[in-house]
Amino acid sequence: MLAQIVKALMPFLAHVREAARTGKWLRWQEYAKALVAAAVAAGAQLPVVLADERVSGTEGWALGLAAAVAFGAVWSTPNKQGE
């Protein structure tokens, strides 16, 4: 499972490495769609996590992993070019 998460985040991490090397950082708007996806994934986990009114370590990891996988999957998917 961890290997799948790392695989989903690899394009983003490669971009960050390239941006750091060249000094050219993307504008925040280019991350907006992925950030919204991460927030929605984390929000979808909240009812499960807060069912007992506290967050355990395992539940915290599940929340973070859901957000990270959603961010990586959406960010690495290219947008469809306009016609």
PDB file of N, CA and C in Angstrom:
ATOM      1  N   MET A   1       0.821  -1.182   0.000  1.00  0.00           N
ATOM      2  CA  MET A   1       0.000   0.000   0.000  1.00  0.00           C
ATOM      3  C   MET A   1       0.870   1.253   0.000  1.00  0.00           C
ATOM      4  N   LEU A   2       1.919   1.253   0.781  1.00  0.00           N
ATOM      5  CA  LEU A   2       2.813   2.404   0.822  1.00  0.00           C
ATOM      6  C   LEU A   2       3.464   2.612  -0.538  1.00  0.00           C
ATOM      7  N   ALA A   3       3.779   1.520  -1.219  1.00  0.00           N
ATOM      8  CA  ALA A   3       4.389   1.632  -2.546  1.00  0.00           C
ATOM      9  C   ALA A   3       3.433   2.310  -3.526  1.00  0.00           C
ATOM     10  N   GLN A   4       2.145   2.034  -3.420  1.00  0.00           N
ATOM     11  CA  GLN A   4       1.159   2.671  -4.297  1.00  0.00           C
ATOM     12  C   GLN A   4       1.055   4.163  -4.015  1.00  0.00           C
ATOM     13  N   ILE A   5       1.137   4.536  -2.749  1.00  0.00           N
ATOM     14  CA  ILE A   5       1.068   5.945  -2.375  1.00  0.00           C
ATOM     15  C   ILE A   5       2.282   6.691  -2.912  1.00  0.00           C
ATOM     16  N   VAL A   6       3.438   6.086  -2.731  1.00  0.00           N
ATOM     17  CA  VAL A   6       4.663   6.710  -3.233  1.00  0.00           C
ATOM     18  C   VAL A   6       4.605   6.824  -4.750  1.00  0.00           C
ATOM     19  N   LYS A   7       4.105   5.804  -5.412  1.00  0.00           N
ATOM     20  CA  LYS A   7       3.986   5.829  -6.878  1.00  0.00           C
ATOM     21  C   LYS A   7       3.050   6.948  -7.319  1.00  0.00           C
ATOM     22  N   ALA A   8       1.952   7.166  -6.595  1.00  0.00           N
ATOM     23  CA  ALA A   8       1.011   8.231  -6.947  1.00  0.00           C
ATOM     24  C   ALA A   8       1.631   9.609  -6.752  1.00  0.00           C
ATOM     25  N   LEU A   9       2.526   9.743  -5.779  1.00  0.00           N
ATOM     26  CA  LEU A   9       3.124  11.045  -5.484  1.00  0.00           C
ATOM     27  C   LEU A   9       4.402  11.319  -6.274  1.00  0.00           C
ATOM     28  N   MET A  10       4.938  10.336  -6.981  1.00  0.00           N
ATOM     29  CA  MET A  10       6.210  10.508  -7.679  1.00  0.00           C
ATOM     30  C   MET A  10       6.209  11.655  -8.696  1.00  0.00           C
ATOM     31  N   PRO A  11       5.166  11.823  -9.541  1.00  0.00           N
ATOM     32  CA  PRO A  11       5.202  12.955 -10.482  1.00  0.00           C
ATOM     33  C   PRO A  11       5.282  14.301  -9.765  1.00  0.00           C
ATOM     34  N   PHE A  12       4.552  14.441  -8.672  1.00  0.00           N
ATOM     35  CA  PHE A  12       4.586  15.688  -7.917  1.00  0.00           C
ATOM     36  C   PHE A  12       5.965  15.915  -7.315  1.00  0.00           C
ATOM     37  N   LEU A  13       6.543  14.879  -6.724  1.00  0.00           N
ATOM     38  CA  LEU A  13       7.856  15.009  -6.116  1.00  0.00           C
ATOM     39  C   LEU A  13       8.930  15.324  -7.162  1.00  0.00           C
ATOM     40  N   ALA A  14       8.802  14.745  -8.353  1.00  0.00           N
ATOM     41  CA  ALA A  14       9.742  15.045  -9.425  1.00  0.00           C
ATOM     42  C   ALA A  14       9.619  16.507  -9.841  1.00  0.00           C
ATOM     43  N   HIS A  15       8.397  17.005  -9.884  1.00  0.00           N
ATOM     44  CA  HIS A  15       8.188  18.408 -10.233  1.00  0.00           C
ATOM     45  C   HIS A  15       8.803  19.328  -9.183  1.00  0.00           C
ATOM     46  N   VAL A  16       8.606  19.014  -7.917  1.00  0.00           N
ATOM     47  CA  VAL A  16       9.170  19.831  -6.844  1.00  0.00           C
ATOM     48  C   VAL A  16      10.695  19.834  -6.932  1.00  0.00           C
ATOM     49  N   ARG A  17      11.272  18.682  -7.198  1.00  0.00           N
ATOM     50  CA  ARG A  17      12.730  18.587  -7.335  1.00  0.00           C
ATOM     51  C   ARG A  17      13.212  19.451  -8.497  1.00  0.00           C
ATOM     52  N   GLU A  18      12.515  19.385  -9.634  1.00  0.00           N
ATOM     53  CA  GLU A  18      12.889  20.178 -10.805  1.00  0.00           C
ATOM     54  C   GLU A  18      12.716  21.675 -10.532  1.00  0.00           C
ATOM     55  N   ALA A  19      11.624  22.047  -9.857  1.00  0.00           N
ATOM     56  CA  ALA A  19      11.394  23.453  -9.525  1.00  0.00           C
ATOM     57  C   ALA A  19      12.477  23.978  -8.592  1.00  0.00           C
ATOM     58  N   ALA A  20      12.888  23.166  -7.646  1.00  0.00           N
ATOM     59  CA  ALA A  20      13.947  23.586  -6.727  1.00  0.00           C
ATOM     60  C   ALA A  20      15.279  23.730  -7.455  1.00  0.00           C
ATOM     61  N   ARG A  21      15.515  22.842  -8.419  1.00  0.00           N
ATOM     62  CA  ARG A  21      16.770  22.890  -9.164  1.00  0.00           C
ATOM     63  C   ARG A  21      16.829  24.115 -10.066  1.00  0.00           C
ATOM     64  N   THR A  22      15.728  24.439 -10.739  1.00  0.00           N
ATOM     65  CA  THR A  22      15.718  25.549 -11.695  1.00  0.00           C
ATOM     66  C   THR A  22      15.326  26.874 -11.065  1.00  0.00           C
ATOM     67  N   GLY A  23      14.738  26.841  -9.881  1.00  0.00           N
ATOM     68  CA  GLY A  23      14.293  28.074  -9.244  1.00  0.00           C
ATOM     69  C   GLY A  23      12.979  28.592  -9.778  1.00  0.00           C
ATOM     70  N   LYS A  24      12.272  27.780 -10.570  1.00  0.00           N
ATOM     71  CA  LYS A  24      10.991  28.198 -11.149  1.00  0.00           C
ATOM     72  C   LYS A  24       9.858  27.456 -10.437  1.00  0.00           C
ATOM     73  N   TRP A  25       9.195  28.152  -9.544  1.00  0.00           N
ATOM     74  CA  TRP A  25       8.079  27.548  -8.807  1.00  0.00           C
ATOM     75  C   TRP A  25       6.780  27.878  -9.495  1.00  0.00           C
ATOM     76  N   LEU A  26       5.855  26.922  -9.503  1.00  0.00           N
ATOM     77  CA  LEU A  26       4.547  27.144 -10.112  1.00  0.00           C
ATOM     78  C   LEU A  26       3.684  28.041  -9.239  1.00  0.00           C
ATOM     79  N   ARG A  27       2.743  28.679  -9.861  1.00  0.00           N
ATOM     80  CA  ARG A  27       1.778  29.486  -9.120  1.00  0.00           C
ATOM     81  C   ARG A  27       0.850  28.557  -8.346  1.00  0.00           C
ATOM     82  N   TRP A  28       0.262  29.033  -7.264  1.00  0.00           N
ATOM     83  CA  TRP A  28      -0.620  28.224  -6.423  1.00  0.00           C
ATOM     84  C   TRP A  28      -1.844  27.752  -7.193  1.00  0.00           C
ATOM     85  N   GLN A  29      -2.278  28.488  -8.219  1.00  0.00           N
ATOM     86  CA  GLN A  29      -3.470  28.092  -8.972  1.00  0.00           C
ATOM     87  C   GLN A  29      -3.288  26.738  -9.644  1.00  0.00           C
ATOM     88  N   GLU A  30      -2.057  26.393  -9.958  1.00  0.00           N
ATOM     89  CA  GLU A  30      -1.803  25.117 -10.621  1.00  0.00           C
ATOM     90  C   GLU A  30      -1.964  23.936  -9.665  1.00  0.00           C
ATOM     91  N   TYR A  31      -2.029  24.216  -8.380  1.00  0.00           N
ATOM     92  CA  TYR A  31      -2.230  23.174  -7.385  1.00  0.00           C
ATOM     93  C   TYR A  31      -3.660  23.159  -6.839  1.00  0.00           C
ATOM     94  N   ALA A  32      -4.486  24.129  -7.224  1.00  0.00           N
ATOM     95  CA  ALA A  32      -5.804  24.303  -6.613  1.00  0.00           C
ATOM     96  C   ALA A  32      -6.676  23.057  -6.747  1.00  0.00           C
ATOM     97  N   LYS A  33      -6.731  22.476  -7.940  1.00  0.00           N
ATOM     98  CA  LYS A  33      -7.579  21.297  -8.152  1.00  0.00           C
ATOM     99  C   LYS A  33      -7.134  20.138  -7.270  1.00  0.00           C
ATOM    100  N   ALA A  34      -5.849  19.932  -7.143  1.00  0.00           N
ATOM    101  CA  ALA A  34      -5.331  18.844  -6.320  1.00  0.00           C
ATOM    102  C   ALA A  34      -5.577  19.114  -4.838  1.00  0.00           C
ATOM    103  N   LEU A  35      -5.455  20.373  -4.417  1.00  0.00           N
ATOM    104  CA  LEU A  35      -5.724  20.710  -3.017  1.00  0.00           C
ATOM    105  C   LEU A  35      -7.190  20.491  -2.658  1.00  0.00           C
ATOM    106  N   VAL A  36      -8.087  20.837  -3.581  1.00  0.00           N
ATOM    107  CA  VAL A  36      -9.520  20.593  -3.346  1.00  0.00           C
ATOM    108  C   VAL A  36      -9.782  19.095  -3.248  1.00  0.00           C
ATOM    109  N   ALA A  37      -9.164  18.302  -4.105  1.00  0.00           N
ATOM    110  CA  ALA A  37      -9.334  16.846  -4.055  1.00  0.00           C
ATOM    111  C   ALA A  37      -8.843  16.284  -2.723  1.00  0.00           C
ATOM    112  N   ALA A  38      -7.714  16.794  -2.239  1.00  0.00           N
ATOM    113  CA  ALA A  38      -7.190  16.336  -0.953  1.00  0.00           C
ATOM    114  C   ALA A  38      -8.138  16.704   0.179  1.00  0.00           C
ATOM    115  N   ALA A  39      -8.701  17.908   0.128  1.00  0.00           N
ATOM    116  CA  ALA A  39      -9.645  18.331   1.168  1.00  0.00           C
ATOM    117  C   ALA A  39     -10.919  17.494   1.135  1.00  0.00           C
ATOM    118  N   VAL A  40     -11.409  17.174  -0.052  1.00  0.00           N
ATOM    119  CA  VAL A  40     -12.618  16.348  -0.172  1.00  0.00           C
ATOM    120  C   VAL A  40     -12.352  14.934   0.342  1.00  0.00           C
ATOM    121  N   ALA A  41     -11.199  14.366   0.009  1.00  0.00           N
ATOM    122  CA  ALA A  41     -10.865  13.020   0.488  1.00  0.00           C
ATOM    123  C   ALA A  41     -10.745  12.989   2.004  1.00  0.00           C
ATOM    124  N   ALA A  42     -10.093  14.004   2.564  1.00  0.00           N
ATOM    125  CA  ALA A  42      -9.980  14.073   4.021  1.00  0.00           C
ATOM    126  C   ALA A  42     -11.351  14.291   4.658  1.00  0.00           C
ATOM    127  N   GLY A  43     -12.172  15.119   4.035  1.00  0.00           N
ATOM    128  CA  GLY A  43     -13.527  15.359   4.547  1.00  0.00           C
ATOM    129  C   GLY A  43     -14.389  14.115   4.506  1.00  0.00           C
ATOM    130  N   ALA A  44     -14.188  13.288   3.494  1.00  0.00           N
ATOM    131  CA  ALA A  44     -14.962  12.048   3.395  1.00  0.00           C
ATOM    132  C   ALA A  44     -14.586  11.076   4.508  1.00  0.00           C
ATOM    133  N   GLN A  45     -13.363  11.167   5.003  1.00  0.00           N
ATOM    134  CA  GLN A  45     -12.910  10.302   6.091  1.00  0.00           C
ATOM    135  C   GLN A  45     -13.374  10.792   7.464  1.00  0.00           C
ATOM    136  N   LEU A  46     -13.704  12.072   7.573  1.00  0.00           N
ATOM    137  CA  LEU A  46     -14.021  12.645   8.881  1.00  0.00           C
ATOM    138  C   LEU A  46     -15.160  11.945   9.623  1.00  0.00           C
ATOM    139  N   PRO A  47     -16.289  11.601   8.990  1.00  0.00           N
ATOM    140  CA  PRO A  47     -17.341  10.920   9.758  1.00  0.00           C
ATOM    141  C   PRO A  47     -16.869   9.606  10.384  1.00  0.00           C
ATOM    142  N   VAL A  48     -16.026   8.890   9.685  1.00  0.00           N
ATOM    143  CA  VAL A  48     -15.495   7.632  10.216  1.00  0.00           C
ATOM    144  C   VAL A  48     -14.535   7.920  11.363  1.00  0.00           C
ATOM    145  N   VAL A  49     -13.671   8.895  11.157  1.00  0.00           N
ATOM    146  CA  VAL A  49     -12.663   9.231  12.163  1.00  0.00           C
ATOM    147  C   VAL A  49     -13.298   9.778  13.434  1.00  0.00           C
ATOM    148  N   LEU A  50     -14.298  10.613  13.292  1.00  0.00           N
ATOM    149  CA  LEU A  50     -14.902  11.278  14.453  1.00  0.00           C
ATOM    150  C   LEU A  50     -16.105  10.542  15.027  1.00  0.00           C
ATOM    151  N   ALA A  51     -16.342   9.311  14.618  1.00  0.00           N
ATOM    152  CA  ALA A  51     -17.493   8.551  15.127  1.00  0.00           C
ATOM    153  C   ALA A  51     -17.416   8.368  16.637  1.00  0.00           C
ATOM    154  N   ASP A  52     -16.223   8.195  17.178  1.00  0.00           N
ATOM    155  CA  ASP A  52     -16.061   8.027  18.620  1.00  0.00           C
ATOM    156  C   ASP A  52     -15.586   9.314  19.298  1.00  0.00           C
ATOM    157  N   GLU A  53     -15.649  10.432  18.586  1.00  0.00           N
ATOM    158  CA  GLU A  53     -15.324  11.769  19.085  1.00  0.00           C
ATOM    159  C   GLU A  53     -13.860  11.961  19.473  1.00  0.00           C
ATOM    160  N   ARG A  54     -12.988  11.146  18.913  1.00  0.00           N
ATOM    161  CA  ARG A  54     -11.557  11.354  19.099  1.00  0.00           C
ATOM    162  C   ARG A  54     -10.831  10.760  17.895  1.00  0.00           C
ATOM    163  N   VAL A  55      -9.615  11.202  17.683  1.00  0.00           N
ATOM    164  CA  VAL A  55      -8.824  10.743  16.539  1.00  0.00           C
ATOM    165  C   VAL A  55      -7.629   9.946  17.060  1.00  0.00           C
ATOM    166  N   SER A  56      -7.602   8.656  16.740  1.00  0.00           N
ATOM    167  CA  SER A  56      -6.466   7.817  17.134  1.00  0.00           C
ATOM    168  C   SER A  56      -5.335   7.987  16.121  1.00  0.00           C
ATOM    169  N   GLY A  57      -4.195   7.439  16.420  1.00  0.00           N
ATOM    170  CA  GLY A  57      -3.065   7.517  15.509  1.00  0.00           C
ATOM    171  C   GLY A  57      -3.351   6.864  14.168  1.00  0.00           C
ATOM    172  N   THR A  58      -3.986   5.718  14.207  1.00  0.00           N
ATOM    173  CA  THR A  58      -4.328   5.009  12.968  1.00  0.00           C
ATOM    174  C   THR A  58      -5.304   5.813  12.140  1.00  0.00           C
ATOM    175  N   GLU A  59      -6.282   6.404  12.794  1.00  0.00           N
ATOM    176  CA  GLU A  59      -7.263   7.222  12.065  1.00  0.00           C
ATOM    177  C   GLU A  59      -6.602   8.464  11.479  1.00  0.00           C
ATOM    178  N   GLY A  60      -5.665   9.033  12.194  1.00  0.00           N
ATOM    179  CA  GLY A  60      -4.930  10.182  11.675  1.00  0.00           C
ATOM    180  C   GLY A  60      -4.124   9.828  10.433  1.00  0.00           C
ATOM    181  N   TRP A  61      -3.468   8.656  10.484  1.00  0.00           N
ATOM    182  CA  TRP A  61      -2.733   8.189   9.309  1.00  0.00           C
ATOM    183  C   TRP A  61      -3.666   7.958   8.123  1.00  0.00           C
ATOM    184  N   ALA A  62      -4.836   7.359   8.386  1.00  0.00           N
ATOM    185  CA  ALA A  62      -5.799   7.112   7.306  1.00  0.00           C
ATOM    186  C   ALA A  62      -6.259   8.426   6.686  1.00  0.00           C
ATOM    187  N   LEU A  63      -6.482   9.418   7.517  1.00  0.00           N
ATOM    188  CA  LEU A  63      -6.893  10.736   7.036  1.00  0.00           C
ATOM    189  C   LEU A  63      -5.798  11.364   6.173  1.00  0.00           C
ATOM    190  N   GLY A  64      -4.581  11.329   6.657  1.00  0.00           N
ATOM    191  CA  GLY A  64      -3.463  11.898   5.905  1.00  0.00           C
ATOM    192  C   GLY A  64      -3.175  11.158   4.609  1.00  0.00           C
ATOM    193  N   LEU A  65      -3.246   9.837   4.646  1.00  0.00           N
ATOM    194  CA  LEU A  65      -3.002   9.048   3.432  1.00  0.00           C
ATOM    195  C   LEU A  65      -4.077   9.281   2.386  1.00  0.00           C
ATOM    196  N   ALA A  66      -5.332   9.395   2.815  1.00  0.00           N
ATOM    197  CA  ALA A  66      -6.416   9.674   1.863  1.00  0.00           C
ATOM    198  C   ALA A  66      -6.171  11.007   1.172  1.00  0.00           C
ATOM    199  N   ALA A  67      -5.770  12.009   1.939  1.00  0.00           N
ATOM    200  CA  ALA A  67      -5.500  13.321   1.359  1.00  0.00           C
ATOM    201  C   ALA A  67      -4.285  13.271   0.432  1.00  0.00           C
ATOM    202  N   ALA A  68      -3.232  12.581   0.837  1.00  0.00           N
ATOM    203  CA  ALA A  68      -2.017  12.508   0.023  1.00  0.00           C
ATOM    204  C   ALA A  68      -2.249  11.768  -1.287  1.00  0.00           C
ATOM    205  N   VAL A  69      -2.967  10.667  -1.233  1.00  0.00           N
ATOM    206  CA  VAL A  69      -3.240   9.896  -2.457  1.00  0.00           C
ATOM    207  C   VAL A  69      -4.126  10.701  -3.399  1.00  0.00           C
ATOM    208  N   ALA A  70      -5.153  11.351  -2.867  1.00  0.00           N
ATOM    209  CA  ALA A  70      -6.029  12.169  -3.713  1.00  0.00           C
ATOM    210  C   ALA A  70      -5.241  13.306  -4.352  1.00  0.00           C
ATOM    211  N   PHE A  71      -4.398  13.973  -3.567  1.00  0.00           N
ATOM    212  CA  PHE A  71      -3.584  15.060  -4.113  1.00  0.00           C
ATOM    213  C   PHE A  71      -2.687  14.551  -5.232  1.00  0.00           C
ATOM    214  N   GLY A  72      -1.966  13.467  -4.981  1.00  0.00           N
ATOM    215  CA  GLY A  72      -1.047  12.931  -5.983  1.00  0.00           C
ATOM    216  C   GLY A  72      -1.746  12.458  -7.242  1.00  0.00           C
ATOM    217  N   ALA A  73      -2.878  11.799  -7.074  1.00  0.00           N
ATOM    218  CA  ALA A  73      -3.611  11.277  -8.240  1.00  0.00           C
ATOM    219  C   ALA A  73      -4.163  12.406  -9.099  1.00  0.00           C
ATOM    220  N   VAL A  74      -4.740  13.415  -8.475  1.00  0.00           N
ATOM    221  CA  VAL A  74      -5.321  14.514  -9.249  1.00  0.00           C
ATOM    222  C   VAL A  74      -4.224  15.389  -9.846  1.00  0.00           C
ATOM    223  N   TRP A  75      -3.181  15.661  -9.092  1.00  0.00           N
ATOM    224  CA  TRP A  75      -2.113  16.528  -9.609  1.00  0.00           C
ATOM    225  C   TRP A  75      -1.392  15.895 -10.786  1.00  0.00           C
ATOM    226  N   SER A  76      -1.215  14.578 -10.762  1.00  0.00           N
ATOM    227  CA  SER A  76      -0.453  13.924 -11.829  1.00  0.00           C
ATOM    228  C   SER A  76      -1.277  13.677 -13.088  1.00  0.00           C
ATOM    229  N   THR A  77      -2.587  13.862 -13.023  1.00  0.00           N
ATOM    230  CA  THR A  77      -3.445  13.670 -14.181  1.00  0.00           C
ATOM    231  C   THR A  77      -3.476  14.973 -14.989  1.00  0.00           C
ATOM    232  N   PRO A  78      -3.082  14.932 -16.256  1.00  0.00           N
ATOM    233  CA  PRO A  78      -3.066  16.181 -17.038  1.00  0.00           C
ATOM    234  C   PRO A  78      -4.480  16.653 -17.354  1.00  0.00           C
ATOM    235  N   ASN A  79      -4.622  17.968 -17.463  1.00  0.00           N
ATOM    236  CA  ASN A  79      -5.895  18.537 -17.864  1.00  0.00           C
ATOM    237  C   ASN A  79      -6.128  18.307 -19.336  1.00  0.00           C
ATOM    238  N   LYS A  80      -7.383  18.204 -19.724  1.00  0.00           N
ATOM    239  CA  LYS A  80      -7.732  18.070 -21.131  1.00  0.00           C
ATOM    240  C   LYS A  80      -7.552  19.441 -21.782  1.00  0.00           C
ATOM    241  N   GLN A  81      -6.877  19.454 -22.902  1.00  0.00           N
ATOM    242  CA  GLN A  81      -6.634  20.719 -23.606  1.00  0.00           C
ATOM    243  C   GLN A  81      -7.913  21.170 -24.304  1.00  0.00           C
ATOM    244  N   GLY A  82      -8.164  22.484 -24.292  1.00  0.00           N
ATOM    245  CA  GLY A  82      -9.353  23.045 -24.933  1.00  0.00           C
ATOM    246  C   GLY A  82      -9.327  22.826 -26.431  1.00  0.00           C
ATOM    247  N   GLU A  83     -10.522  22.788 -27.006  1.00  0.00           N
ATOM    248  CA  GLU A  83     -10.598  22.529 -28.450  1.00  0.00           C
ATOM    249  C   GLU A  83     -10.765  23.792 -29.230  1.00  0.00           C
TER     250      GLU A  83
END
